[in-house]
C-alpha atoms as a PDB file:
ATOM      1  CA  MET A   1      -8.852   4.101  11.854  1.00  0.00           C
ATOM      2  CA  LEU A   2     -10.417   3.763   8.433  1.00  0.00           C
ATOM      3  CA  SER A   3     -13.443   1.570   8.030  1.00  0.00           C
ATOM      4  CA  PRO A   4     -12.684  -1.802   6.410  1.00  0.00           C
ATOM      5  CA  LEU A   5     -14.297  -0.672   3.145  1.00  0.00           C
ATOM      6  CA  LEU A   6     -12.248   2.512   2.949  1.00  0.00           C
ATOM      7  CA  MET A   7      -9.064   0.593   3.808  1.00  0.00           C
ATOM      8  CA  TRP A   8      -9.753  -1.930   1.011  1.00  0.00           C
ATOM      9  CA  ASN A   9     -10.306   0.931  -1.437  1.00  0.00           C
ATOM     10  CA  LYS A  10      -7.063   2.602  -0.360  1.00  0.00           C
ATOM     11  CA  ILE A  11      -5.117  -0.649  -0.675  1.00  0.00           C
ATOM     12  CA  GLY A  12      -6.591  -1.195  -4.145  1.00  0.00           C
ATOM     13  CA  ARG A  13      -5.446   2.245  -5.286  1.00  0.00           C
ATOM     14  CA  ILE A  14      -1.955   1.703  -3.841  1.00  0.00           C
ATOM     15  CA  VAL A  15      -1.644  -1.733  -5.466  1.00  0.00           C
ATOM     16  CA  SER A  16      -2.798  -0.300  -8.793  1.00  0.00           C
ATOM     17  CA  LEU A  17      -0.082   2.380  -8.621  1.00  0.00           C
ATOM     18  CA  ILE A  18       2.583  -0.201  -7.771  1.00  0.00           C
ATOM     19  CA  ALA A  19       1.508  -2.511 -10.611  1.00  0.00           C
ATOM     20  CA  SER A  20       1.508   0.340 -13.115  1.00  0.00           C
ATOM     21  CA  ASP A  21       4.818   1.862 -12.008  1.00  0.00           C
ATOM     22  CA  MET A  22       6.664  -1.455 -11.873  1.00  0.00           C
ATOM     23  CA  ASN A  23       4.942  -2.978 -14.904  1.00  0.00           C
ATOM     24  CA  ILE A  24       3.912  -6.068 -12.931  1.00  0.00           C
ATOM     25  CA  SER A  25       0.592  -7.855 -12.460  1.00  0.00           C
ATOM     26  CA  SER A  26      -1.906  -6.723  -9.864  1.00  0.00           C
ATOM     27  CA  GLU A  27      -1.408 -10.026  -8.076  1.00  0.00           C
ATOM     28  CA  GLN A  28       2.340  -9.444  -7.814  1.00  0.00           C
ATOM     29  CA  ALA A  29       1.775  -5.892  -6.614  1.00  0.00           C
ATOM     30  CA  LEU A  30      -0.751  -7.073  -4.028  1.00  0.00           C
ATOM     31  CA  ASP A  31       1.701  -9.690  -2.761  1.00  0.00           C
ATOM     32  CA  MET A  32       4.439  -7.057  -2.563  1.00  0.00           C
ATOM     33  CA  PHE A  33       2.140  -4.729  -0.644  1.00  0.00           C
ATOM     34  CA  TYR A  34       0.991  -7.356   1.865  1.00  0.00           C
ATOM     35  CA  ARG A  35       4.582  -8.417   2.594  1.00  0.00           C
ATOM     36  CA  SER A  36       5.715  -4.817   3.144  1.00  0.00           C
ATOM     37  CA  ARG A  37       6.443  -3.007   6.361  1.00  0.00           C
ATOM     38  CA  THR A  38       4.322  -0.178   4.997  1.00  0.00           C
ATOM     39  CA  ASN A  39       1.298  -2.482   5.145  1.00  0.00           C
ATOM     40  CA  GLN A  40       2.017  -3.250   8.785  1.00  0.00           C
ATOM     41  CA  LEU A  41       2.402   0.421   9.654  1.00  0.00           C
ATOM     42  CA  MET A  42      -0.815   1.335   7.826  1.00  0.00           C
ATOM     43  CA  ARG A  43      -2.713  -0.821  10.295  1.00  0.00           C
ATOM     44  CA  ASP A  44      -0.965   0.618  13.364  1.00  0.00           C
ATOM     45  CA  PRO A  45      -3.381   2.980  15.153  1.00  0.00           C
ATOM     46  CA  ILE A  46      -0.487   4.926  16.683  1.00  0.00           C
ATOM     47  CA  VAL A  47       1.482   5.534  13.470  1.00  0.00           C
ATOM     48  CA  LYS A  48      -1.650   6.279  11.382  1.00  0.00           C
ATOM     49  CA  LEU A  49       0.201   5.781   8.121  1.00  0.00           C
ATOM     50  CA  TYR A  50      -3.179   5.239   6.465  1.00  0.00           C
ATOM     51  CA  THR A  51      -3.640   9.014   6.574  1.00  0.00           C
ATOM     52  CA  PHE A  52      -0.842   9.489   4.027  1.00  0.00           C
ATOM     53  CA  GLY A  53      -1.530   9.789   0.308  1.00  0.00           C
ATOM     54  CA  ASP A  54      -1.758   6.797  -2.009  1.00  0.00           C
ATOM     55  CA  ARG A  55       1.239   7.882  -4.109  1.00  0.00           C
ATOM     56  CA  TYR A  56       3.435   8.313  -1.024  1.00  0.00           C
ATOM     57  CA  LEU A  57       2.480   4.876   0.306  1.00  0.00           C
ATOM     58  CA  ALA A  58       3.010   3.192  -3.071  1.00  0.00           C
ATOM     59  CA  ASP A  59       6.457   4.792  -3.294  1.00  0.00           C
ATOM     60  CA  GLU A  60       7.290   3.569   0.212  1.00  0.00           C
ATOM     61  CA  VAL A  61       6.379  -0.012  -0.717  1.00  0.00           C
ATOM     62  CA  MET A  62       8.470   0.172  -3.895  1.00  0.00           C
ATOM     63  CA  MET A  63      11.448   1.629  -1.987  1.00  0.00           C
ATOM     64  CA  GLU A  64      11.307  -1.303   0.429  1.00  0.00           C
ATOM     65  CA  LYS A  65      11.780  -3.611  -2.560  1.00  0.00           C
ATOM     66  CA  HIS A  66      15.116  -1.992  -3.471  1.00  0.00           C
END
């Protein structure tokens, strides 16, 4: 599992990508991320989704929205 600091950095990068791609505020993107299934799976030590790239994870969150 990533340390809390590294996880926060990763989440920040993902949220920034979502906000930019969807032309929404960082707050809206953060809310979208925290409500996503992707967020839940990132914290699952078995799935280890946190090992995937930021772009992939941002795309997964945005696909959940549609």
